[in-house]
């Protein structure tokens, strides 16, 4: 579990197979609305990647922005970096034309 910096979203692990405990999805729970948001949280650069493995160890950056987790990917060890902060809002651009 992880909590967003503003305290409005709780990130949860949902296991997707009764037979294979290494298969899961990351889901977002909207705390103010008291409901699970639809769909899984995925990396837009790898939308077809299936989350799989057991978390072995976890560490966070000093500022708390990043959580680093090492997973045993059901036979293939891999690492994962997840931001625990919302992306910055886009700034309005100004033109000198």
Foldseek 3Di string as FASTA:
>chain_A
DAAAPVRQKDWDWAADDPVARFFTFIWIAGVVVRGTDDDGDDDPVCVPDTGGFDWDDWDADPVRQWIKTWGCRVPRTDIDIDGRYDDDDDDDDDDPD
